[in-house]
PDB file of N, CA and C in Angstrom:
ATOM      1  N   MET A   1      13.811 -38.368  19.797  1.00  0.00           N
ATOM      2  CA  MET A   1      15.213 -38.470  20.177  1.00  0.00           C
ATOM      3  C   MET A   1      15.727 -37.082  20.546  1.00  0.00           C
ATOM      4  N   PRO A   2      16.354 -36.949  21.712  1.00  0.00           N
ATOM      5  CA  PRO A   2      16.884 -35.648  22.127  1.00  0.00           C
ATOM      6  C   PRO A   2      17.972 -35.150  21.174  1.00  0.00           C
ATOM      7  N   TRP A   3      18.033 -33.871  21.003  1.00  0.00           N
ATOM      8  CA  TRP A   3      19.061 -33.257  20.192  1.00  0.00           C
ATOM      9  C   TRP A   3      19.484 -31.974  20.877  1.00  0.00           C
ATOM     10  N   GLU A   4      20.547 -31.387  20.407  1.00  0.00           N
ATOM     11  CA  GLU A   4      21.135 -30.227  21.079  1.00  0.00           C
ATOM     12  C   GLU A   4      21.279 -29.044  20.131  1.00  0.00           C
ATOM     13  N   MET A   5      21.371 -27.888  20.741  1.00  0.00           N
ATOM     14  CA  MET A   5      21.631 -26.640  20.041  1.00  0.00           C
ATOM     15  C   MET A   5      22.392 -25.764  21.034  1.00  0.00           C
ATOM     16  N   ASP A   6      23.380 -25.043  20.549  1.00  0.00           N
ATOM     17  CA  ASP A   6      24.130 -24.211  21.491  1.00  0.00           C
ATOM     18  C   ASP A   6      23.261 -23.052  21.983  1.00  0.00           C
ATOM     19  N   ALA A   7      23.632 -22.540  23.142  1.00  0.00           N
ATOM     20  CA  ALA A   7      22.834 -21.516  23.814  1.00  0.00           C
ATOM     21  C   ALA A   7      22.678 -20.255  22.965  1.00  0.00           C
ATOM     22  N   ALA A   8      23.719 -19.870  22.246  1.00  0.00           N
ATOM     23  CA  ALA A   8      23.644 -18.656  21.434  1.00  0.00           C
ATOM     24  C   ALA A   8      22.603 -18.798  20.322  1.00  0.00           C
ATOM     25  N   ARG A   9      22.553 -19.956  19.681  1.00  0.00           N
ATOM     26  CA  ARG A   9      21.567 -20.180  18.614  1.00  0.00           C
ATOM     27  C   ARG A   9      20.152 -20.213  19.193  1.00  0.00           C
ATOM     28  N   PHE A  10      19.997 -20.848  20.357  1.00  0.00           N
ATOM     29  CA  PHE A  10      18.692 -20.891  21.014  1.00  0.00           C
ATOM     30  C   PHE A  10      18.236 -19.474  21.358  1.00  0.00           C
ATOM     31  N   ASP A  11      19.138 -18.680  21.925  1.00  0.00           N
ATOM     32  CA  ASP A  11      18.814 -17.286  22.259  1.00  0.00           C
ATOM     33  C   ASP A  11      18.403 -16.502  21.015  1.00  0.00           C
ATOM     34  N   ALA A  12      19.047 -16.776  19.896  1.00  0.00           N
ATOM     35  CA  ALA A  12      18.700 -16.100  18.649  1.00  0.00           C
ATOM     36  C   ALA A  12      17.277 -16.464  18.216  1.00  0.00           C
ATOM     37  N   LEU A  13      16.877 -17.719  18.427  1.00  0.00           N
ATOM     38  CA  LEU A  13      15.504 -18.119  18.098  1.00  0.00           C
ATOM     39  C   LEU A  13      14.492 -17.402  18.992  1.00  0.00           C
ATOM     40  N   VAL A  14      14.840 -17.221  20.259  1.00  0.00           N
ATOM     41  CA  VAL A  14      13.975 -16.470  21.172  1.00  0.00           C
ATOM     42  C   VAL A  14      13.868 -15.023  20.694  1.00  0.00           C
ATOM     43  N   ASP A  15      14.985 -14.425  20.315  1.00  0.00           N
ATOM     44  CA  ASP A  15      14.969 -13.052  19.794  1.00  0.00           C
ATOM     45  C   ASP A  15      14.080 -12.943  18.559  1.00  0.00           C
ATOM     46  N   GLU A  16      14.168 -13.930  17.679  1.00  0.00           N
ATOM     47  CA  GLU A  16      13.332 -13.931  16.469  1.00  0.00           C
ATOM     48  C   GLU A  16      11.849 -14.001  16.836  1.00  0.00           C
ATOM     49  N   ALA A  17      11.506 -14.826  17.831  1.00  0.00           N
ATOM     50  CA  ALA A  17      10.112 -14.932  18.269  1.00  0.00           C
ATOM     51  C   ALA A  17       9.633 -13.606  18.851  1.00  0.00           C
ATOM     52  N   LEU A  18      10.475 -12.950  19.617  1.00  0.00           N
ATOM     53  CA  LEU A  18      10.114 -11.646  20.187  1.00  0.00           C
ATOM     54  C   LEU A  18       9.958 -10.597  19.091  1.00  0.00           C
ATOM     55  N   ASP A  19      10.850 -10.630  18.108  1.00  0.00           N
ATOM     56  CA  ASP A  19      10.781  -9.665  17.006  1.00  0.00           C
ATOM     57  C   ASP A  19       9.520  -9.856  16.166  1.00  0.00           C
ATOM     58  N   ALA A  20       8.950 -11.062  16.173  1.00  0.00           N
ATOM     59  CA  ALA A  20       7.759 -11.360  15.377  1.00  0.00           C
ATOM     60  C   ALA A  20       6.465 -10.890  16.041  1.00  0.00           C
ATOM     61  N   ILE A  21       6.541 -10.453  17.283  1.00  0.00           N
ATOM     62  CA  ILE A  21       5.349  -9.935  17.962  1.00  0.00           C
ATOM     63  C   ILE A  21       4.939  -8.643  17.258  1.00  0.00           C
ATOM     64  N   PRO A  22       3.671  -8.522  16.903  1.00  0.00           N
ATOM     65  CA  PRO A  22       3.239  -7.290  16.214  1.00  0.00           C
ATOM     66  C   PRO A  22       3.572  -6.046  17.038  1.00  0.00           C
ATOM     67  N   ASP A  23       4.002  -5.007  16.348  1.00  0.00           N
ATOM     68  CA  ASP A  23       4.405  -3.763  17.004  1.00  0.00           C
ATOM     69  C   ASP A  23       3.315  -3.201  17.907  1.00  0.00           C
ATOM     70  N   GLU A  24       2.049  -3.338  17.480  1.00  0.00           N
ATOM     71  CA  GLU A  24       0.940  -2.814  18.269  1.00  0.00           C
ATOM     72  C   GLU A  24       0.855  -3.513  19.626  1.00  0.00           C
ATOM     73  N   LEU A  25       1.141  -4.800  19.651  1.00  0.00           N
ATOM     74  CA  LEU A  25       1.111  -5.558  20.902  1.00  0.00           C
ATOM     75  C   LEU A  25       2.374  -5.295  21.713  1.00  0.00           C
ATOM     76  N   ALA A  26       3.517  -5.320  21.059  1.00  0.00           N
ATOM     77  CA  ALA A  26       4.795  -5.094  21.745  1.00  0.00           C
ATOM     78  C   ALA A  26       4.812  -3.736  22.438  1.00  0.00           C
ATOM     79  N   ALA A  27       4.154  -2.743  21.852  1.00  0.00           N
ATOM     80  CA  ALA A  27       4.119  -1.402  22.441  1.00  0.00           C
ATOM     81  C   ALA A  27       3.375  -1.372  23.770  1.00  0.00           C
ATOM     82  N   LEU A  28       2.547  -2.382  24.022  1.00  0.00           N
ATOM     83  CA  LEU A  28       1.767  -2.440  25.260  1.00  0.00           C
ATOM     84  C   LEU A  28       2.474  -3.195  26.375  1.00  0.00           C
ATOM     85  N   VAL A  29       3.588  -3.830  26.051  1.00  0.00           N
ATOM     86  CA  VAL A  29       4.344  -4.598  27.040  1.00  0.00           C
ATOM     87  C   VAL A  29       5.355  -3.652  27.689  1.00  0.00           C
ATOM     88  N   HIS A  30       5.197  -3.461  29.002  1.00  0.00           N
ATOM     89  CA  HIS A  30       6.065  -2.535  29.723  1.00  0.00           C
ATOM     90  C   HIS A  30       6.700  -3.222  30.918  1.00  0.00           C
ATOM     91  N   ASN A  31       7.958  -2.910  31.163  1.00  0.00           N
ATOM     92  CA  ASN A  31       8.663  -3.367  32.352  1.00  0.00           C
ATOM     93  C   ASN A  31       8.674  -4.899  32.463  1.00  0.00           C
ATOM     94  N   VAL A  32       9.019  -5.548  31.354  1.00  0.00           N
ATOM     95  CA  VAL A  32       9.100  -7.012  31.302  1.00  0.00           C
ATOM     96  C   VAL A  32      10.444  -7.383  30.692  1.00  0.00           C
ATOM     97  N   VAL A  33      11.117  -8.335  31.306  1.00  0.00           N
ATOM     98  CA  VAL A  33      12.363  -8.853  30.774  1.00  0.00           C
ATOM     99  C   VAL A  33      12.150 -10.322  30.408  1.00  0.00           C
ATOM    100  N   VAL A  34      12.726 -10.737  29.291  1.00  0.00           N
ATOM    101  CA  VAL A  34      12.630 -12.129  28.848  1.00  0.00           C
ATOM    102  C   VAL A  34      13.997 -12.771  29.051  1.00  0.00           C
ATOM    103  N   LEU A  35      13.998 -13.881  29.771  1.00  0.00           N
ATOM    104  CA  LEU A  35      15.232 -14.585  30.111  1.00  0.00           C
ATOM    105  C   LEU A  35      15.152 -16.033  29.656  1.00  0.00           C
ATOM    106  N   VAL A  36      16.301 -16.599  29.332  1.00  0.00           N
ATOM    107  CA  VAL A  36      16.388 -18.026  29.012  1.00  0.00           C
ATOM    108  C   VAL A  36      17.172 -18.696  30.125  1.00  0.00           C
ATOM    109  N   ALA A  37      16.625 -19.776  30.648  1.00  0.00           N
ATOM    110  CA  ALA A  37      17.307 -20.603  31.646  1.00  0.00           C
ATOM    111  C   ALA A  37      17.347 -22.026  31.105  1.00  0.00           C
ATOM    112  N   ASP A  38      18.352 -22.763  31.501  1.00  0.00           N
ATOM    113  CA  ASP A  38      18.453 -24.145  31.022  1.00  0.00           C
ATOM    114  C   ASP A  38      17.340 -25.026  31.559  1.00  0.00           C
ATOM    115  N   GLU A  39      16.990 -24.843  32.829  1.00  0.00           N
ATOM    116  CA  GLU A  39      16.017 -25.710  33.500  1.00  0.00           C
ATOM    117  C   GLU A  39      15.010 -24.865  34.269  1.00  0.00           C
ATOM    118  N   PRO A  40      13.800 -25.391  34.473  1.00  0.00           N
ATOM    119  CA  PRO A  40      12.857 -24.714  35.362  1.00  0.00           C
ATOM    120  C   PRO A  40      13.342 -24.778  36.810  1.00  0.00           C
ATOM    121  N   PRO A  41      12.828 -23.909  37.669  1.00  0.00           N
ATOM    122  CA  PRO A  41      13.195 -23.988  39.088  1.00  0.00           C
ATOM    123  C   PRO A  41      12.795 -25.347  39.666  1.00  0.00           C
ATOM    124  N   PRO A  42      13.488 -25.803  40.704  1.00  0.00           N
ATOM    125  CA  PRO A  42      13.221 -27.127  41.281  1.00  0.00           C
ATOM    126  C   PRO A  42      11.779 -27.326  41.735  1.00  0.00           C
ATOM    127  N   GLU A  43      11.111 -26.261  42.151  1.00  0.00           N
ATOM    128  CA  GLU A  43       9.732 -26.408  42.628  1.00  0.00           C
ATOM    129  C   GLU A  43       8.711 -26.510  41.496  1.00  0.00           C
ATOM    130  N   GLU A  44       9.160 -26.362  40.255  1.00  0.00           N
ATOM    131  CA  GLU A  44       8.274 -26.448  39.089  1.00  0.00           C
ATOM    132  C   GLU A  44       8.430 -27.805  38.410  1.00  0.00           C
ATOM    133  N   ALA A  45       7.498 -28.134  37.544  1.00  0.00           N
ATOM    134  CA  ALA A  45       7.561 -29.387  36.778  1.00  0.00           C
ATOM    135  C   ALA A  45       8.783 -29.382  35.869  1.00  0.00           C
ATOM    136  N   ASP A  46       9.412 -30.538  35.718  1.00  0.00           N
ATOM    137  CA  ASP A  46      10.610 -30.658  34.874  1.00  0.00           C
ATOM    138  C   ASP A  46      10.348 -30.330  33.411  1.00  0.00           C
ATOM    139  N   ASP A  47       9.099 -30.480  32.977  1.00  0.00           N
ATOM    140  CA  ASP A  47       8.784 -30.264  31.568  1.00  0.00           C
ATOM    141  C   ASP A  47       8.151 -28.893  31.301  1.00  0.00           C
ATOM    142  N   LEU A  48       8.245 -27.984  32.271  1.00  0.00           N
ATOM    143  CA  LEU A  48       7.710 -26.638  32.095  1.00  0.00           C
ATOM    144  C   LEU A  48       8.504 -25.922  31.005  1.00  0.00           C
ATOM    145  N   LEU A  49       7.806 -25.359  30.015  1.00  0.00           N
ATOM    146  CA  LEU A  49       8.474 -24.719  28.883  1.00  0.00           C
ATOM    147  C   LEU A  49       8.740 -23.236  29.120  1.00  0.00           C
ATOM    148  N   GLY A  50       7.849 -22.583  29.860  1.00  0.00           N
ATOM    149  CA  GLY A  50       8.000 -21.160  30.126  1.00  0.00           C
ATOM    150  C   GLY A  50       7.298 -20.786  31.412  1.00  0.00           C
ATOM    151  N   LEU A  51       7.601 -19.585  31.905  1.00  0.00           N
ATOM    152  CA  LEU A  51       7.030 -19.139  33.171  1.00  0.00           C
ATOM    153  C   LEU A  51       6.973 -17.615  33.180  1.00  0.00           C
ATOM    154  N   TYR A  52       5.828 -17.089  33.606  1.00  0.00           N
ATOM    155  CA  TYR A  52       5.674 -15.645  33.812  1.00  0.00           C
ATOM    156  C   TYR A  52       5.714 -15.381  35.307  1.00  0.00           C
ATOM    157  N   GLU A  53       6.597 -14.501  35.731  1.00  0.00           N
ATOM    158  CA  GLU A  53       6.669 -14.077  37.128  1.00  0.00           C
ATOM    159  C   GLU A  53       6.429 -12.581  37.170  1.00  0.00           C
ATOM    160  N   GLY A  54       5.344 -12.202  37.785  1.00  0.00           N
ATOM    161  CA  GLY A  54       5.039 -10.791  37.885  1.00  0.00           C
ATOM    162  C   GLY A  54       3.581 -10.579  38.221  1.00  0.00           C
ATOM    163  N   VAL A  55       3.148  -9.355  38.081  1.00  0.00           N
ATOM    164  CA  VAL A  55       1.766  -8.985  38.335  1.00  0.00           C
ATOM    165  C   VAL A  55       1.147  -8.603  36.997  1.00  0.00           C
ATOM    166  N   ALA A  56       0.123  -9.341  36.609  1.00  0.00           N
ATOM    167  CA  ALA A  56      -0.543  -9.071  35.333  1.00  0.00           C
ATOM    168  C   ALA A  56      -1.089  -7.646  35.313  1.00  0.00           C
ATOM    169  N   LEU A  57      -1.142  -7.063  34.145  1.00  0.00           N
ATOM    170  CA  LEU A  57      -1.643  -5.697  34.014  1.00  0.00           C
ATOM    171  C   LEU A  57      -3.058  -5.552  34.572  1.00  0.00           C
ATOM    172  N   THR A  58      -3.859  -6.602  34.446  1.00  0.00           N
ATOM    173  CA  THR A  58      -5.234  -6.559  34.938  1.00  0.00           C
ATOM    174  C   THR A  58      -5.318  -6.601  36.457  1.00  0.00           C
ATOM    175  N   GLU A  59      -4.204  -6.927  37.119  1.00  0.00           N
ATOM    176  CA  GLU A  59      -4.185  -7.047  38.576  1.00  0.00           C
ATOM    177  C   GLU A  59      -3.443  -5.889  39.260  1.00  0.00           C
ATOM    178  N   ARG A  60      -2.861  -5.020  38.484  1.00  0.00           N
ATOM    179  CA  ARG A  60      -2.032  -3.958  39.056  1.00  0.00           C
ATOM    180  C   ARG A  60      -2.864  -2.829  39.628  1.00  0.00           C
ATOM    181  N   GLY A  61      -2.351  -2.286  40.720  1.00  0.00           N
ATOM    182  CA  GLY A  61      -2.969  -1.121  41.325  1.00  0.00           C
ATOM    183  C   GLY A  61      -2.250   0.142  40.897  1.00  0.00           C
ATOM    184  N   LEU A  62      -2.642   1.235  41.475  1.00  0.00           N
ATOM    185  CA  LEU A  62      -2.043   2.524  41.132  1.00  0.00           C
ATOM    186  C   LEU A  62      -0.639   2.683  41.700  1.00  0.00           C
ATOM    187  N   ASN A  63      -0.273   1.878  42.683  1.00  0.00           N
ATOM    188  CA  ASN A  63       1.030   2.012  43.338  1.00  0.00           C
ATOM    189  C   ASN A  63       2.078   1.048  42.788  1.00  0.00           C
ATOM    190  N   GLU A  64       1.931   0.614  41.564  1.00  0.00           N
ATOM    191  CA  GLU A  64       2.859  -0.352  40.982  1.00  0.00           C
ATOM    192  C   GLU A  64       4.074   0.312  40.334  1.00  0.00           C
ATOM    193  N   GLY A  65       4.096   1.615  40.219  1.00  0.00           N
ATOM    194  CA  GLY A  65       5.210   2.308  39.587  1.00  0.00           C
ATOM    195  C   GLY A  65       6.520   2.054  40.318  1.00  0.00           C
ATOM    196  N   GLY A  66       7.604   1.965  39.583  1.00  0.00           N
ATOM    197  CA  GLY A  66       8.923   1.772  40.159  1.00  0.00           C
ATOM    198  C   GLY A  66       9.226   0.346  40.572  1.00  0.00           C
ATOM    199  N   ALA A  67       8.347  -0.571  40.259  1.00  0.00           N
ATOM    200  CA  ALA A  67       8.563  -1.973  40.618  1.00  0.00           C
ATOM    201  C   ALA A  67       9.618  -2.599  39.722  1.00  0.00           C
ATOM    202  N   LEU A  68      10.235  -3.653  40.219  1.00  0.00           N
ATOM    203  CA  LEU A  68      11.164  -4.425  39.388  1.00  0.00           C
ATOM    204  C   LEU A  68      10.405  -4.989  38.201  1.00  0.00           C
ATOM    205  N   PRO A  69      11.106  -5.258  37.105  1.00  0.00           N
ATOM    206  CA  PRO A  69      10.408  -5.781  35.926  1.00  0.00           C
ATOM    207  C   PRO A  69       9.800  -7.158  36.191  1.00  0.00           C
ATOM    208  N   ASP A  70       8.669  -7.399  35.533  1.00  0.00           N
ATOM    209  CA  ASP A  70       8.144  -8.752  35.474  1.00  0.00           C
ATOM    210  C   ASP A  70       9.142  -9.575  34.669  1.00  0.00           C
ATOM    211  N   ARG A  71       9.113 -10.898  34.872  1.00  0.00           N
ATOM    212  CA  ARG A  71      10.072 -11.750  34.167  1.00  0.00           C
ATOM    213  C   ARG A  71       9.341 -12.866  33.443  1.00  0.00           C
ATOM    214  N   ILE A  72       9.767 -13.076  32.217  1.00  0.00           N
ATOM    215  CA  ILE A  72       9.320 -14.222  31.435  1.00  0.00           C
ATOM    216  C   ILE A  72      10.534 -15.105  31.232  1.00  0.00           C
ATOM    217  N   PHE A  73      10.388 -16.356  31.635  1.00  0.00           N
ATOM    218  CA  PHE A  73      11.454 -17.334  31.451  1.00  0.00           C
ATOM    219  C   PHE A  73      11.062 -18.322  30.365  1.00  0.00           C
ATOM    220  N   LEU A  74      12.010 -18.659  29.519  1.00  0.00           N
ATOM    221  CA  LEU A  74      11.889 -19.787  28.596  1.00  0.00           C
ATOM    222  C   LEU A  74      12.931 -20.802  29.032  1.00  0.00           C
ATOM    223  N   PHE A  75      12.536 -22.062  29.096  1.00  0.00           N
ATOM    224  CA  PHE A  75      13.420 -23.099  29.606  1.00  0.00           C
ATOM    225  C   PHE A  75      13.946 -23.951  28.456  1.00  0.00           C
ATOM    226  N   ARG A  76      15.242 -23.808  28.218  1.00  0.00           N
ATOM    227  CA  ARG A  76      15.902 -24.400  27.055  1.00  0.00           C
ATOM    228  C   ARG A  76      15.786 -25.923  27.013  1.00  0.00           C
ATOM    229  N   ARG A  77      16.158 -26.614  28.097  1.00  0.00           N
ATOM    230  CA  ARG A  77      16.168 -28.075  28.050  1.00  0.00           C
ATOM    231  C   ARG A  77      14.780 -28.661  27.813  1.00  0.00           C
ATOM    232  N   PRO A  78      13.750 -28.236  28.549  1.00  0.00           N
ATOM    233  CA  PRO A  78      12.429 -28.790  28.261  1.00  0.00           C
ATOM    234  C   PRO A  78      11.941 -28.482  26.845  1.00  0.00           C
ATOM    235  N   LEU A  79      12.224 -27.284  26.349  1.00  0.00           N
ATOM    236  CA  LEU A  79      11.835 -26.970  24.975  1.00  0.00           C
ATOM    237  C   LEU A  79      12.564 -27.869  23.978  1.00  0.00           C
ATOM    238  N   MET A  80      13.850 -28.080  24.193  1.00  0.00           N
ATOM    239  CA  MET A  80      14.624 -28.962  23.306  1.00  0.00           C
ATOM    240  C   MET A  80      14.104 -30.399  23.392  1.00  0.00           C
ATOM    241  N   ASP A  81      13.801 -30.854  24.594  1.00  0.00           N
ATOM    242  CA  ASP A  81      13.297 -32.220  24.775  1.00  0.00           C
ATOM    243  C   ASP A  81      11.926 -32.409  24.143  1.00  0.00           C
ATOM    244  N   TYR A  82      11.119 -31.368  24.144  1.00  0.00           N
ATOM    245  CA  TYR A  82       9.761 -31.431  23.632  1.00  0.00           C
ATOM    246  C   TYR A  82       9.711 -31.513  22.108  1.00  0.00           C
ATOM    247  N   CYS A  83      10.739 -30.987  21.452  1.00  0.00           N
ATOM    248  CA  CYS A  83      10.719 -30.830  19.995  1.00  0.00           C
ATOM    249  C   CYS A  83      11.631 -31.833  19.306  1.00  0.00           C
ATOM    250  N   ASP A  84      11.178 -32.283  18.139  1.00  0.00           N
ATOM    251  CA  ASP A  84      11.934 -33.260  17.347  1.00  0.00           C
ATOM    252  C   ASP A  84      12.661 -32.650  16.166  1.00  0.00           C
ATOM    253  N   SER A  85      12.415 -31.382  15.883  1.00  0.00           N
ATOM    254  CA  SER A  85      13.054 -30.754  14.724  1.00  0.00           C
ATOM    255  C   SER A  85      13.238 -29.266  14.993  1.00  0.00           C
ATOM    256  N   LEU A  86      14.071 -28.654  14.188  1.00  0.00           N
ATOM    257  CA  LEU A  86      14.279 -27.211  14.300  1.00  0.00           C
ATOM    258  C   LEU A  86      12.974 -26.470  14.034  1.00  0.00           C
ATOM    259  N   GLU A  87      12.219 -26.904  13.051  1.00  0.00           N
ATOM    260  CA  GLU A  87      10.961 -26.244  12.719  1.00  0.00           C
ATOM    261  C   GLU A  87       9.990 -26.302  13.894  1.00  0.00           C
ATOM    262  N   GLN A  88       9.905 -27.453  14.538  1.00  0.00           N
ATOM    263  CA  GLN A  88       9.028 -27.590  15.695  1.00  0.00           C
ATOM    264  C   GLN A  88       9.510 -26.710  16.850  1.00  0.00           C
ATOM    265  N   LEU A  89      10.821 -26.645  17.055  1.00  0.00           N
ATOM    266  CA  LEU A  89      11.374 -25.811  18.117  1.00  0.00           C
ATOM    267  C   LEU A  89      11.068 -24.339  17.871  1.00  0.00           C
ATOM    268  N   VAL A  90      11.252 -23.874  16.655  1.00  0.00           N
ATOM    269  CA  VAL A  90      10.951 -22.475  16.318  1.00  0.00           C
ATOM    270  C   VAL A  90       9.494 -22.172  16.639  1.00  0.00           C
ATOM    271  N   GLU A  91       8.591 -23.066  16.250  1.00  0.00           N
ATOM    272  CA  GLU A  91       7.165 -22.856  16.510  1.00  0.00           C
ATOM    273  C   GLU A  91       6.858 -22.909  18.003  1.00  0.00           C
ATOM    274  N   GLU A  92       7.454 -23.831  18.727  1.00  0.00           N
ATOM    275  CA  GLU A  92       7.160 -23.962  20.158  1.00  0.00           C
ATOM    276  C   GLU A  92       7.719 -22.776  20.948  1.00  0.00           C
ATOM    277  N   ILE A  93       8.864 -22.250  20.540  1.00  0.00           N
ATOM    278  CA  ILE A  93       9.379 -21.034  21.178  1.00  0.00           C
ATOM    279  C   ILE A  93       8.408 -19.887  20.935  1.00  0.00           C
ATOM    280  N   ARG A  94       7.911 -19.757  19.712  1.00  0.00           N
ATOM    281  CA  ARG A  94       6.944 -18.704  19.384  1.00  0.00           C
ATOM    282  C   ARG A  94       5.690 -18.835  20.244  1.00  0.00           C
ATOM    283  N   VAL A  95       5.148 -20.036  20.316  1.00  0.00           N
ATOM    284  CA  VAL A  95       3.935 -20.276  21.091  1.00  0.00           C
ATOM    285  C   VAL A  95       4.178 -19.970  22.576  1.00  0.00           C
ATOM    286  N   THR A  96       5.330 -20.386  23.092  1.00  0.00           N
ATOM    287  CA  THR A  96       5.641 -20.167  24.506  1.00  0.00           C
ATOM    288  C   THR A  96       5.810 -18.683  24.805  1.00  0.00           C
ATOM    289  N   VAL A  97       6.462 -17.945  23.919  1.00  0.00           N
ATOM    290  CA  VAL A  97       6.612 -16.498  24.095  1.00  0.00           C
ATOM    291  C   VAL A  97       5.234 -15.833  24.136  1.00  0.00           C
ATOM    292  N   VAL A  98       4.378 -16.163  23.179  1.00  0.00           N
ATOM    293  CA  VAL A  98       3.039 -15.576  23.141  1.00  0.00           C
ATOM    294  C   VAL A  98       2.263 -15.951  24.406  1.00  0.00           C
ATOM    295  N   HIS A  99       2.363 -17.208  24.813  1.00  0.00           N
ATOM    296  CA  HIS A  99       1.672 -17.704  26.012  1.00  0.00           C
ATOM    297  C   HIS A  99       2.071 -16.895  27.248  1.00  0.00           C
ATOM    298  N   GLU A 100       3.366 -16.703  27.439  1.00  0.00           N
ATOM    299  CA  GLU A 100       3.836 -15.996  28.631  1.00  0.00           C
ATOM    300  C   GLU A 100       3.528 -14.501  28.569  1.00  0.00           C
ATOM    301  N   ILE A 101       3.614 -13.905  27.404  1.00  0.00           N
ATOM    302  CA  ILE A 101       3.237 -12.495  27.266  1.00  0.00           C
ATOM    303  C   ILE A 101       1.744 -12.326  27.543  1.00  0.00           C
ATOM    304  N   ALA A 102       0.953 -13.289  27.134  1.00  0.00           N
ATOM    305  CA  ALA A 102      -0.485 -13.226  27.407  1.00  0.00           C
ATOM    306  C   ALA A 102      -0.757 -13.194  28.909  1.00  0.00           C
ATOM    307  N   HIS A 103       0.041 -13.923  29.693  1.00  0.00           N
ATOM    308  CA  HIS A 103      -0.111 -13.865  31.149  1.00  0.00           C
ATOM    309  C   HIS A 103       0.142 -12.446  31.663  1.00  0.00           C
ATOM    310  N   HIS A 104       1.070 -11.739  31.040  1.00  0.00           N
ATOM    311  CA  HIS A 104       1.339 -10.339  31.409  1.00  0.00           C
ATOM    312  C   HIS A 104       0.076  -9.494  31.248  1.00  0.00           C
ATOM    313  N   PHE A 105      -0.739  -9.839  30.255  1.00  0.00           N
ATOM    314  CA  PHE A 105      -1.988  -9.119  29.999  1.00  0.00           C
ATOM    315  C   PHE A 105      -3.168  -9.684  30.785  1.00  0.00           C
ATOM    316  N   GLY A 106      -2.898 -10.681  31.641  1.00  0.00           N
ATOM    317  CA  GLY A 106      -3.952 -11.221  32.496  1.00  0.00           C
ATOM    318  C   GLY A 106      -4.760 -12.347  31.880  1.00  0.00           C
ATOM    319  N   ILE A 107      -4.309 -12.909  30.789  1.00  0.00           N
ATOM    320  CA  ILE A 107      -5.022 -14.022  30.155  1.00  0.00           C
ATOM    321  C   ILE A 107      -4.586 -15.312  30.837  1.00  0.00           C
ATOM    322  N   ASP A 108      -5.548 -16.083  31.320  1.00  0.00           N
ATOM    323  CA  ASP A 108      -5.212 -17.291  32.080  1.00  0.00           C
ATOM    324  C   ASP A 108      -5.010 -18.502  31.165  1.00  0.00           C
ATOM    325  N   ASP A 109      -4.520 -19.588  31.756  1.00  0.00           N
ATOM    326  CA  ASP A 109      -4.193 -20.802  30.998  1.00  0.00           C
ATOM    327  C   ASP A 109      -5.404 -21.390  30.281  1.00  0.00           C
ATOM    328  N   ASP A 110      -6.558 -21.386  30.918  1.00  0.00           N
ATOM    329  CA  ASP A 110      -7.748 -21.946  30.268  1.00  0.00           C
ATOM    330  C   ASP A 110      -8.058 -21.213  28.969  1.00  0.00           C
ATOM    331  N   ARG A 111      -8.020 -19.902  29.001  1.00  0.00           N
ATOM    332  CA  ARG A 111      -8.292 -19.112  27.788  1.00  0.00           C
ATOM    333  C   ARG A 111      -7.199 -19.345  26.742  1.00  0.00           C
ATOM    334  N   LEU A 112      -5.952 -19.407  27.182  1.00  0.00           N
ATOM    335  CA  LEU A 112      -4.849 -19.650  26.240  1.00  0.00           C
ATOM    336  C   LEU A 112      -4.983 -21.019  25.573  1.00  0.00           C
ATOM    337  N   HIS A 113      -5.366 -22.029  26.333  1.00  0.00           N
ATOM    338  CA  HIS A 113      -5.572 -23.366  25.753  1.00  0.00           C
ATOM    339  C   HIS A 113      -6.700 -23.307  24.709  1.00  0.00           C
ATOM    340  N   ALA A 114      -7.764 -22.586  25.026  1.00  0.00           N
ATOM    341  CA  ALA A 114      -8.879 -22.470  24.095  1.00  0.00           C
ATOM    342  C   ALA A 114      -8.447 -21.767  22.806  1.00  0.00           C
ATOM    343  N   LEU A 115      -7.483 -20.865  22.920  1.00  0.00           N
ATOM    344  CA  LEU A 115      -6.984 -20.138  21.749  1.00  0.00           C
ATOM    345  C   LEU A 115      -5.884 -20.891  20.999  1.00  0.00           C
ATOM    346  N   GLY A 116      -5.462 -22.047  21.540  1.00  0.00           N
ATOM    347  CA  GLY A 116      -4.419 -22.841  20.890  1.00  0.00           C
ATOM    348  C   GLY A 116      -3.013 -22.508  21.335  1.00  0.00           C
ATOM    349  N   TYR A 117      -2.875 -21.809  22.440  1.00  0.00           N
ATOM    350  CA  TYR A 117      -1.556 -21.456  22.973  1.00  0.00           C
ATOM    351  C   TYR A 117      -1.290 -22.164  24.280  1.00  0.00           C
ATOM    352  N   GLY A 118      -1.666 -23.402  24.363  1.00  0.00           N
ATOM    353  CA  GLY A 118      -1.524 -24.122  25.609  1.00  0.00           C
ATOM    354  C   GLY A 118      -0.568 -25.226  25.536  1.00  0.00           C
TER     355      GLY A 118
END
């Protein structure tokens, strides 16, 4: 059954998930912004939970300096629809954050699924 949470509380859960990333890993994330949107873009699946837009570190050349930040999106409505409880939502936000940050490091979906982040 669908349920709701106000945007400020949802954003706070995203902040908590980001704060839980180990410092050693967080220190390696550069020029990335994390954004929350209510819905995925129209060209994406309606049930998409998150999206990484950018160039993975493994794909960057020497001329990447000064580029706009990579972007990680978390999609509020699909995440809310996917989860039946606050506990499940907290966990799914955490998993989605880790999943999208992994794309920043060049880890593909197949590997993430094998690791349980799919």
